[in-house]
C-alpha cells in the first residue's frame, strides 16, 4: 500500500483529498462526518463579517442525460456567527488532530481587518489559512473576493498583511476570472504566500427558463451571475494549474480545485503540479462517501505504477506541457479505421466531411461490404474522427515517420530570420 500522506507548505494530511471551502464544510458536524468517511483535510467555509444569503441559490447544467455536468451558485460566505464557527473548528481539530483543518477567510481589504481575523482564527488551532480572493459574486460587489483577486497589487498587499501576523501557512485562492492567472499567482508569492489554490468558480449564468423567461436560479423573478464549477470546468482548472506549475515566478505548492470527481482526476491534477486537491461539487452531488472509491482507486493506481508515495506524481507531466510555438510541426499522425471493430455508423465520415478535411471515403470491399477508409495522404491527424466514434478500438491515431527532422514554429522563425539577415547582408555587399 502506497503512502498517501502529503505536506502542503507545512500543512500535513493523511491523504491528498480535501474538501473545498463550500457548503459541505459549513459546520463542524459536516467536517467531522467527512473526516470519518476518509477525507484527509477540509477548508472551512469562508469566514468573515456576517452576511445574509438568498433563498434559491443553486442551479445545475445537465447535459445529454448526465446530471450536474456543471453547477452554479449565488451563495456567499458563511452566514453563521464567527464565534460559532471558531468553537466548532476548535472541537473538530481536537477530535481529529491528524487531519488538516484550514480556515478560509475573506474580509475588507484593510490591514487591521486581516490582522484581527487571522489572530482570532489561529487561536483555535487551525493548520493553515486560505485567503479567498476568488468568489465572483455578491462579495465582489463589496470589494472582496474576485474584486480583490483581479487586482494583482491588492492580492500582494493583502497577502503581506496576513503574513505580518500569521503563524500558520498561508494559501492564496485565485480567481479564474482574469486574463492571466500566473500574474496574480506571482504577486501572491511576492506577498509571502506559502501556497496557492485554484481555481475558484467561474462567472456564469446557468440558464434561462424558456417558458417563464426567468433566469436559473432566480430570486423572486430576479437573477444574477453566479459561480460555475463541477466536471465542466475541469479542463479550465487543469490548464490554469499547469500554467502556474510551470511558471518559475510562482514556485510554491499548489492545491488543485475544479471539477474533480474521481481518483483519475486527482492523478491528472497531481501530474500537472498539484500537491493536493480540493473537492466540492462531487460531494454535493454524491455525498462524503465518494472518497472511499477515490482512495481505493488511487492506492491501486500507485501500486500498479510501482510508486511508494503519492508525492511521486507531483509535477511529472509539467515538462510535457509547453507553448504552441514549441510543438514539432513535422510530427505526423493519421487516423486508421479497424474494419473488425467498426459499426458503420458513419459518424466519422460525417464529421470529417462536414467539419474537417474530407479524407474518409465510403467504399465497398471485395466481399461487397460497405467500409470506411482514410486517405492518409490527406489526413491532418486532427483526432476528430476518433473523438466522435462510439465504438472502442474502431479508430486508432497512428504516428508516421514524416521523414523530416523535428522543427517547431519558434525554430522555424529563427531560421527564416537568419536567412533574411543573410539576404540583407548580400544585398548590401
Protein backbone atom coordinates (compact mmCIF):
# COMPACT_ATOMS: atom_id res chain seq x y z
CA UNK A 1 0.00 0.00 0.00
CA UNK A 2 1.48 3.33 -1.07
CA UNK A 3 1.86 6.30 1.27
CA UNK A 4 -0.96 8.76 0.52
CA UNK A 5 0.11 11.43 3.02
CA UNK A 6 1.04 14.90 1.78
CA UNK A 7 2.63 18.06 3.11
CA UNK A 8 1.29 21.23 1.50
CA UNK A 9 3.66 24.02 2.52
CA UNK A 10 3.81 22.66 6.07
CA UNK A 11 0.16 21.55 6.29
CA UNK A 12 0.15 17.77 6.73
CA UNK A 13 -2.73 15.45 6.00
CA UNK A 14 -3.16 11.67 5.73
CA UNK A 15 -4.12 11.88 2.05
CA UNK A 16 -4.44 14.48 -0.72
CA UNK A 17 -8.25 14.51 -0.62
CA UNK A 18 -9.52 17.76 0.90
CA UNK A 19 -12.97 19.32 0.90
CA UNK A 20 -13.04 22.79 -0.64
CA UNK A 21 -14.44 25.80 1.17
CA UNK A 22 -18.12 25.42 0.32
CA UNK A 23 -21.47 24.19 1.70
CA UNK A 24 -20.04 20.75 2.65
CA UNK A 25 -17.66 22.45 5.13
CA UNK A 26 -20.19 24.82 6.63
CA UNK A 27 -20.34 23.20 10.10
CA UNK A 28 -18.29 21.11 12.46
CA UNK A 29 -20.86 18.34 12.14
CA UNK A 30 -20.25 18.11 8.40
CA UNK A 31 -16.47 18.33 8.54
CA UNK A 32 -16.27 15.67 11.25
CA UNK A 33 -18.51 13.34 9.25
CA UNK A 34 -16.26 13.93 6.24
CA UNK A 35 -13.17 13.00 8.23
CA UNK A 36 -14.91 9.87 9.47
CA UNK A 37 -15.61 8.97 5.83
CA UNK A 38 -11.92 9.28 4.94
CA UNK A 39 -11.26 12.83 3.77
CA UNK A 40 -7.77 13.99 4.73
CA UNK A 41 -8.48 17.67 5.12
CA UNK A 42 -11.09 20.39 4.86
CA UNK A 43 -11.07 24.08 4.10
CA UNK A 44 -13.77 25.58 6.34
CA UNK A 45 -16.50 27.56 4.59
CA UNK A 46 -15.24 31.11 4.28
CA UNK A 47 -15.28 33.16 7.47
CA UNK A 48 -15.76 36.92 7.59
CA UNK A 49 -18.20 39.61 8.59
CA UNK A 50 -21.85 38.47 8.84
CA UNK A 51 -23.80 38.26 5.59
CA UNK A 52 -27.34 37.40 4.50
CA UNK A 53 -27.78 34.73 1.83
CA UNK A 54 -30.64 34.49 -0.65
CA UNK A 55 -33.13 31.66 -0.90
CA UNK A 56 -32.98 29.76 -4.22
CA UNK A 57 -29.23 29.86 -4.67
CA UNK A 58 -28.15 26.76 -6.62
CA UNK A 59 -28.62 25.63 -10.21
CA UNK A 60 -27.17 22.86 -12.36
CA UNK A 61 -26.45 22.26 -16.01
CA UNK A 62 -27.47 18.76 -17.10
CA UNK A 63 -26.07 17.54 -20.41
CA UNK A 64 -27.06 14.62 -22.60
CA UNK A 65 -28.51 12.64 -19.70
CA UNK A 66 -25.73 13.46 -17.23
CA UNK A 67 -26.94 15.15 -14.08
CA UNK A 68 -24.85 18.07 -12.82
CA UNK A 69 -22.31 18.32 -15.62
CA UNK A 70 -21.93 21.86 -14.30
CA UNK A 71 -23.04 23.56 -11.11
CA UNK A 72 -23.87 27.21 -10.49
CA UNK A 73 -24.36 29.01 -7.19
CA UNK A 74 -25.04 32.50 -5.86
CA UNK A 75 -24.33 31.59 -2.24
CA UNK A 76 -21.97 33.82 -0.27
CA UNK A 77 -19.60 33.11 2.62
CA UNK A 78 -20.81 31.63 5.92
CA UNK A 79 -23.93 33.20 7.36
CA UNK A 80 -23.17 31.80 10.83
CA UNK A 81 -21.55 33.88 13.60
CA UNK A 82 -17.75 33.80 13.70
CA UNK A 83 -17.79 32.70 17.35
CA UNK A 84 -19.86 29.61 16.49
CA UNK A 85 -17.54 28.65 13.65
CA UNK A 86 -14.44 29.10 15.80
CA UNK A 87 -15.88 26.91 18.55
CA UNK A 88 -16.63 24.15 16.05
CA UNK A 89 -13.21 24.45 14.40
CA UNK A 90 -11.57 24.00 17.79
CA UNK A 91 -13.71 20.97 18.59
CA UNK A 92 -13.07 19.43 15.15
CA UNK A 93 -9.31 19.86 15.33
CA UNK A 94 -9.25 18.46 18.86
CA UNK A 95 -11.14 15.36 17.74
CA UNK A 96 -9.13 14.91 14.51
CA UNK A 97 -5.61 16.16 15.30
CA UNK A 98 -4.03 14.39 12.32
CA UNK A 99 -6.38 15.84 9.71
CA UNK A 100 -5.82 19.18 8.01
CA UNK A 101 -8.21 21.94 9.08
CA UNK A 102 -7.72 25.12 7.07
CA UNK A 103 -9.75 28.29 7.59
CA UNK A 104 -10.89 30.18 4.52
CA UNK A 105 -11.00 33.93 5.17
CA UNK A 106 -12.49 36.95 3.42
CA UNK A 107 -12.64 40.48 4.83
CA UNK A 108 -12.44 44.02 3.51
CA UNK A 109 -9.03 44.91 2.04
CA UNK A 110 -7.88 46.67 5.21
CA UNK A 111 -4.78 45.75 7.18
CA UNK A 112 -6.46 45.89 10.57
CA UNK A 113 -9.33 43.68 9.39
CA UNK A 114 -6.93 40.97 8.24
CA UNK A 115 -4.84 41.18 11.40
CA UNK A 116 -7.91 40.80 13.59
CA UNK A 117 -9.45 37.78 11.89
CA UNK A 118 -6.13 35.95 11.47
CA UNK A 119 -5.36 36.21 15.17
CA UNK A 120 -8.83 35.05 16.18
CA UNK A 121 -8.84 32.09 13.81
CA UNK A 122 -5.32 30.90 14.59
CA UNK A 123 -6.14 30.97 18.30
CA UNK A 124 -8.42 27.93 17.87
CA UNK A 125 -5.70 25.75 16.35
CA UNK A 126 -6.15 25.75 12.57
CA UNK A 127 -3.39 24.20 10.49
CA UNK A 128 -3.41 26.94 7.89
CA UNK A 129 -5.25 29.83 6.27
CA UNK A 130 -6.73 30.17 2.80
CA UNK A 131 -7.34 33.72 1.61
CA UNK A 132 -10.43 33.77 -0.60
CA UNK A 133 -9.67 36.14 -3.46
CA UNK A 134 -11.84 34.23 -5.89
CA UNK A 135 -15.57 34.42 -5.11
CA UNK A 136 -17.08 36.06 -8.24
CA UNK A 137 -20.49 37.10 -6.92
CA UNK A 138 -22.02 39.01 -4.05
CA UNK A 139 -18.82 39.62 -2.12
CA UNK A 140 -17.13 41.03 -5.22
CA UNK A 141 -19.70 43.82 -5.30
CA UNK A 142 -18.43 44.76 -1.82
CA UNK A 143 -14.80 44.96 -2.91
CA UNK A 144 -13.85 41.47 -1.71
CA UNK A 145 -13.44 38.07 -3.36
CA UNK A 146 -12.74 38.30 -7.08
CA UNK A 147 -12.80 42.10 -6.94
CA UNK A 148 -9.61 41.85 -4.89
CA UNK A 149 -8.33 38.83 -6.78
CA UNK A 150 -8.42 40.62 -10.10
CA UNK A 151 -6.00 43.28 -8.85
CA UNK A 152 -2.51 41.76 -8.52
CA UNK A 153 -1.16 44.60 -6.36
CA UNK A 154 -4.06 44.24 -3.95
CA UNK A 155 -3.55 40.48 -3.74
CA UNK A 156 0.10 41.08 -2.90
CA UNK A 157 -0.71 43.72 -0.30
CA UNK A 158 -3.37 41.68 1.49
CA UNK A 159 -1.21 38.58 1.50
CA UNK A 160 1.57 40.66 3.02
CA UNK A 161 -0.77 41.96 5.74
CA UNK A 162 -1.76 38.41 6.63
CA UNK A 163 1.83 37.23 6.73
CA UNK A 164 2.67 40.04 9.17
CA UNK A 165 0.73 38.22 11.89
CA UNK A 166 0.13 34.67 10.65
CA UNK A 167 1.86 31.82 12.46
CA UNK A 168 0.48 29.12 10.14
CA UNK A 169 0.98 28.57 6.39
CA UNK A 170 -0.94 30.92 4.12
CA UNK A 171 -2.65 29.68 0.93
CA UNK A 172 -3.93 32.25 -1.55
CA UNK A 173 -7.01 31.14 -3.51
CA UNK A 174 -7.03 32.56 -7.04
CA UNK A 175 -9.86 33.64 -9.30
CA UNK A 176 -10.07 32.21 -12.83
CA UNK A 177 -11.95 35.32 -13.97
CA UNK A 178 -8.81 37.02 -15.22
CA UNK A 179 -6.71 37.13 -18.38
CA UNK A 180 -3.53 35.54 -17.00
CA UNK A 181 -3.75 33.74 -13.67
CA UNK A 182 0.04 33.47 -13.36
CA UNK A 183 0.32 37.25 -12.94
CA UNK A 184 -1.80 37.15 -9.79
CA UNK A 185 -0.06 33.99 -8.61
CA UNK A 186 3.32 35.74 -8.82
CA UNK A 187 2.03 38.69 -6.84
CA UNK A 188 0.62 36.36 -4.19
CA UNK A 189 4.07 34.80 -3.85
CA UNK A 190 5.67 38.25 -3.67
CA UNK A 191 3.30 39.00 -0.81
CA UNK A 192 4.57 35.91 1.01
CA UNK A 193 2.07 33.19 0.07
CA UNK A 194 3.28 29.75 1.14
CA UNK A 195 0.99 28.07 -1.39
CA UNK A 196 -1.77 28.85 -3.88
CA UNK A 197 -5.10 27.15 -4.55
CA UNK A 198 -7.00 27.29 -7.81
CA UNK A 199 -9.43 27.64 -9.33
CA UNK A 200 -12.34 29.32 -7.67
CA UNK A 201 -15.66 29.43 -9.53
CA UNK A 202 -16.18 30.98 -12.97
CA UNK A 203 -18.62 33.81 -13.72
CA UNK A 204 -21.74 32.22 -15.15
CA UNK A 205 -25.47 32.14 -15.72
CA UNK A 206 -26.75 28.57 -15.54
CA UNK A 207 -29.65 29.13 -17.90
CA UNK A 208 -32.98 30.77 -18.72
CA UNK A 209 -36.38 29.14 -18.34
CA UNK A 210 -37.83 29.50 -21.86
CA UNK A 211 -41.38 29.26 -20.53
CA UNK A 212 -41.30 31.83 -17.70
CA UNK A 213 -38.28 33.75 -19.12
CA UNK A 214 -36.79 33.79 -15.63
CA UNK A 215 -33.09 33.17 -15.15
CA UNK A 216 -31.95 29.97 -13.43
CA UNK A 217 -31.73 30.31 -10.47
CA UNK A 218 -33.84 33.33 -9.68
CA UNK A 219 -34.88 35.06 -6.51
CA UNK A 220 -38.47 36.17 -6.81
CA UNK A 221 -38.08 36.55 -10.58
CA UNK A 222 -34.73 38.35 -10.46
CA UNK A 223 -31.42 36.69 -11.24
CA UNK A 224 -27.71 37.47 -11.01
CA UNK A 225 -24.49 35.93 -12.23
CA UNK A 226 -23.02 33.20 -10.05
CA UNK A 227 -20.01 30.93 -9.75
CA UNK A 228 -19.69 27.91 -12.06
CA UNK A 229 -17.99 24.67 -11.03
CA UNK A 230 -18.31 20.92 -11.47
CA UNK A 231 -16.99 18.49 -14.12
CA UNK A 232 -17.46 21.01 -16.94
CA UNK A 233 -14.77 23.33 -15.57
CA UNK A 234 -12.07 20.68 -15.11
CA UNK A 235 -10.18 21.42 -18.38
CA UNK A 236 -10.03 25.12 -17.50
CA UNK A 237 -8.82 24.39 -13.98
CA UNK A 238 -6.25 21.87 -15.16
CA UNK A 239 -4.83 24.35 -17.65
CA UNK A 240 -4.52 27.10 -15.04
CA UNK A 241 -2.88 24.75 -12.55
CA UNK A 242 -0.40 23.71 -15.24
CA UNK A 243 0.41 27.33 -16.13
CA UNK A 244 1.18 28.15 -12.51
CA UNK A 245 3.15 24.93 -12.01
CA UNK A 246 5.48 25.68 -14.93
CA UNK A 247 5.90 29.37 -14.14
CA UNK A 248 9.27 29.90 -12.45
CA UNK A 249 7.96 33.09 -10.88
CA UNK A 250 5.40 31.11 -8.87
CA UNK A 251 7.33 28.19 -7.43
CA UNK A 252 5.10 27.36 -4.44
CA UNK A 253 2.93 24.28 -3.77
CA UNK A 254 -0.48 24.16 -5.43
CA UNK A 255 -3.81 22.91 -4.12
CA UNK A 256 -5.78 21.99 -7.23
CA UNK A 257 -9.51 22.67 -7.48
CA UNK A 258 -12.07 22.46 -10.26
CA UNK A 259 -14.30 19.63 -11.47
CA UNK A 260 -12.53 16.86 -9.57
CA UNK A 261 -14.86 13.87 -9.21
CA UNK A 262 -12.75 10.71 -9.46
CA UNK A 263 -9.35 9.35 -8.46
CA UNK A 264 -8.32 9.67 -12.11
CA UNK A 265 -8.99 13.42 -11.90
CA UNK A 266 -6.80 13.58 -8.82
CA UNK A 267 -3.93 11.87 -10.63
CA UNK A 268 -4.22 14.33 -13.52
CA UNK A 269 -4.10 17.35 -11.23
CA UNK A 270 -1.13 15.99 -9.33
CA UNK A 271 0.74 15.14 -12.53
CA UNK A 272 0.21 18.74 -13.62
CA UNK A 273 1.69 20.12 -10.40
CA UNK A 274 -0.84 19.93 -7.59
CA UNK A 275 0.45 18.73 -4.23
CA UNK A 276 -3.11 18.02 -3.11
CA UNK A 277 -6.65 18.64 -4.34
CA UNK A 278 -9.97 20.00 -3.13
CA UNK A 279 -13.46 18.75 -3.98
CA UNK A 280 -16.87 20.41 -3.71
CA UNK A 281 -19.45 19.68 -6.43
CA UNK A 282 -18.94 15.91 -6.50
CA UNK A 283 -19.65 15.78 -2.76
CA UNK A 284 -22.74 17.96 -3.15
CA UNK A 285 -23.92 15.53 -5.82
CA UNK A 286 -22.97 12.19 -4.26
CA UNK A 287 -22.04 12.73 -0.60
CA UNK A 288 -18.92 12.29 1.52
CA UNK A 289 -18.60 8.54 0.89
CA UNK A 290 -17.23 9.05 -2.63
CA UNK A 291 -13.81 9.46 -1.03
CA UNK A 292 -13.70 5.72 -0.31
CA UNK A 293 -13.62 4.85 -4.02
CA UNK A 294 -11.17 7.69 -4.66
CA UNK A 295 -8.77 6.37 -2.01
CA UNK A 296 -9.05 2.78 -3.26
CA UNK A 297 -8.58 3.83 -6.87
CA UNK A 298 -5.55 5.96 -6.11
CA UNK A 299 -3.97 3.21 -3.99
CA UNK A 300 -4.43 0.65 -6.77
CA UNK A 301 -3.05 3.05 -9.37
CA UNK A 302 0.08 3.77 -7.34
CA UNK A 303 0.61 0.04 -6.76
CA UNK A 304 0.24 -0.65 -10.49
CA UNK A 305 2.81 2.06 -11.24
CA UNK A 306 5.18 0.77 -8.57
CA UNK A 307 5.15 4.08 -6.71
CA UNK A 308 5.77 4.16 -2.96
CA UNK A 309 4.24 7.59 -2.35
CA UNK A 310 1.56 9.72 -3.94
CA UNK A 311 4.01 12.63 -3.85
CA UNK A 312 5.98 10.92 -6.63
CA UNK A 313 3.21 12.02 -9.01
CA UNK A 314 3.57 15.74 -8.34
CA UNK A 315 4.52 17.67 -11.46
CA UNK A 316 5.66 14.69 -13.52
CA UNK A 317 3.71 15.88 -16.59
CA UNK A 318 4.65 19.56 -16.28
CA UNK A 319 7.77 19.23 -18.50
CA UNK A 320 5.49 17.78 -21.20
CA UNK A 321 3.39 20.96 -21.22
CA UNK A 322 4.68 23.95 -23.19
CA UNK A 323 3.72 26.76 -25.55
CA UNK A 324 2.24 26.10 -29.00
CA UNK A 325 5.33 27.60 -30.60
CA UNK A 326 7.45 24.80 -29.11
CA UNK A 327 5.47 21.94 -30.70
CA UNK A 328 7.02 19.90 -33.51
CA UNK A 329 5.44 20.94 -36.82
CA UNK A 330 6.86 17.87 -38.56
CA UNK A 331 5.23 15.36 -36.21
CA UNK A 332 2.66 13.35 -38.17
CA UNK A 333 -0.28 11.21 -37.05
CA UNK A 334 -3.10 9.81 -39.17
CA UNK A 335 -6.34 8.00 -38.48
CA UNK A 336 -6.75 4.31 -39.31
CA UNK A 337 -10.11 2.57 -39.21
CA UNK A 338 -10.22 -1.03 -37.99
CA UNK A 339 -12.91 -2.82 -40.00
CA UNK A 340 -13.41 -5.54 -37.41
CA UNK A 341 -14.41 -3.01 -34.75
CA UNK A 342 -16.22 -0.52 -36.97
CA UNK A 343 -20.02 -0.50 -36.62
CA UNK A 344 -20.55 1.55 -39.80
CA UNK A 345 -22.43 4.33 -38.07
CA UNK A 346 -20.67 6.78 -40.42
CA UNK A 347 -20.21 9.39 -37.71
CA UNK A 348 -16.51 9.67 -38.54
CA UNK A 349 -17.28 10.24 -42.21
CA UNK A 350 -19.89 12.88 -41.44
CA UNK A 351 -17.61 14.70 -39.00
CA UNK A 352 -14.67 14.63 -41.39
CA UNK A 353 -16.78 15.61 -44.39
CA UNK A 354 -18.66 18.46 -42.71
CA UNK A 355 -16.20 19.76 -40.14
CA UNK A 356 -12.69 18.66 -41.03
CA UNK A 357 -10.64 17.68 -44.12
CA UNK A 358 -12.83 15.35 -46.20
CA UNK A 359 -10.39 12.43 -46.12
CA UNK A 360 -12.63 9.50 -45.10
CA UNK A 361 -14.10 7.64 -48.07
CA UNK A 362 -17.15 5.36 -48.11
CA UNK A 363 -16.12 2.29 -50.11
CA UNK A 364 -17.12 -1.32 -50.76
CA UNK A 365 -14.63 -4.11 -50.10
CA UNK A 366 -14.09 -7.28 -52.15
CA UNK A 367 -16.89 -9.06 -50.27
CA UNK A 368 -19.34 -6.29 -51.12
CA UNK A 369 -19.37 -4.91 -47.58
CA UNK A 370 -19.55 -1.15 -47.01
CA UNK A 371 -16.38 0.10 -45.36
CA UNK A 372 -14.81 3.40 -44.38
CA UNK A 373 -11.22 4.16 -45.29
CA UNK A 374 -8.91 7.10 -44.54
CA UNK A 375 -6.86 8.67 -47.30
CA UNK A 376 -3.76 9.03 -45.18
CA UNK A 377 -2.04 11.41 -47.58
CA UNK A 378 -4.82 13.93 -46.95
CA UNK A 379 -5.34 13.24 -43.22
CA UNK A 380 -4.04 16.00 -40.94
CA UNK A 381 -4.32 13.96 -37.75
CA UNK A 382 -6.86 16.27 -36.11
CA UNK A 383 -8.34 13.40 -33.99
CA UNK A 384 -11.95 14.44 -34.70
CA UNK A 385 -12.99 11.08 -36.14
CA UNK A 386 -11.65 9.17 -33.14
CA UNK A 387 -13.37 11.61 -30.80
CA UNK A 388 -16.85 11.18 -32.31
CA UNK A 389 -16.53 7.42 -32.86
CA UNK A 390 -18.78 5.49 -30.42
CA UNK A 391 -17.05 2.12 -30.94
CA UNK A 392 -14.00 1.29 -28.85
CA UNK A 393 -11.00 0.29 -30.92
CA UNK A 394 -12.57 1.26 -34.24
CA UNK A 395 -10.19 4.14 -34.95
CA UNK A 396 -6.53 4.42 -34.00
CA UNK A 397 -4.39 7.51 -34.32
CA UNK A 398 -1.07 6.24 -35.69
CA UNK A 399 2.22 8.12 -35.70
CA UNK A 400 4.09 8.13 -39.02
CA UNK A 401 7.66 8.98 -39.87
CA UNK A 402 7.39 12.23 -41.80
CA UNK A 403 10.98 11.93 -42.94
CA UNK A 404 11.73 15.43 -41.68
CA UNK A 405 13.72 16.45 -38.63
CA UNK A 406 11.71 17.91 -35.73
CA UNK A 407 11.14 21.65 -36.09
CA UNK A 408 8.98 23.96 -34.00
CA UNK A 409 7.40 27.21 -35.09
CA UNK A 410 9.88 29.15 -32.98
CA UNK A 411 12.82 27.31 -34.56
CA UNK A 412 11.35 27.91 -37.99
CA UNK A 413 11.05 31.62 -37.35
CA UNK A 414 14.69 31.77 -36.21
CA UNK A 415 15.81 30.06 -39.42
CA UNK A 416 13.74 32.45 -41.52
CA UNK A 417 15.11 35.41 -39.59
CA UNK A 418 18.70 34.21 -40.10
CA UNK A 419 18.14 33.71 -43.83
CA UNK A 420 16.61 37.16 -44.15
CA UNK A 421 19.65 38.65 -42.41
CA UNK A 422 21.97 36.84 -44.80
CA UNK A 423 20.00 38.08 -47.83
CA UNK A 424 20.09 41.63 -46.47
CA UNK A 425 23.86 41.47 -45.97
CA UNK A 426 24.32 40.07 -49.50
CA UNK A 427 22.27 42.90 -50.98
CA UNK A 428 24.37 45.47 -49.12
CA UNK A 429 27.57 43.85 -50.44
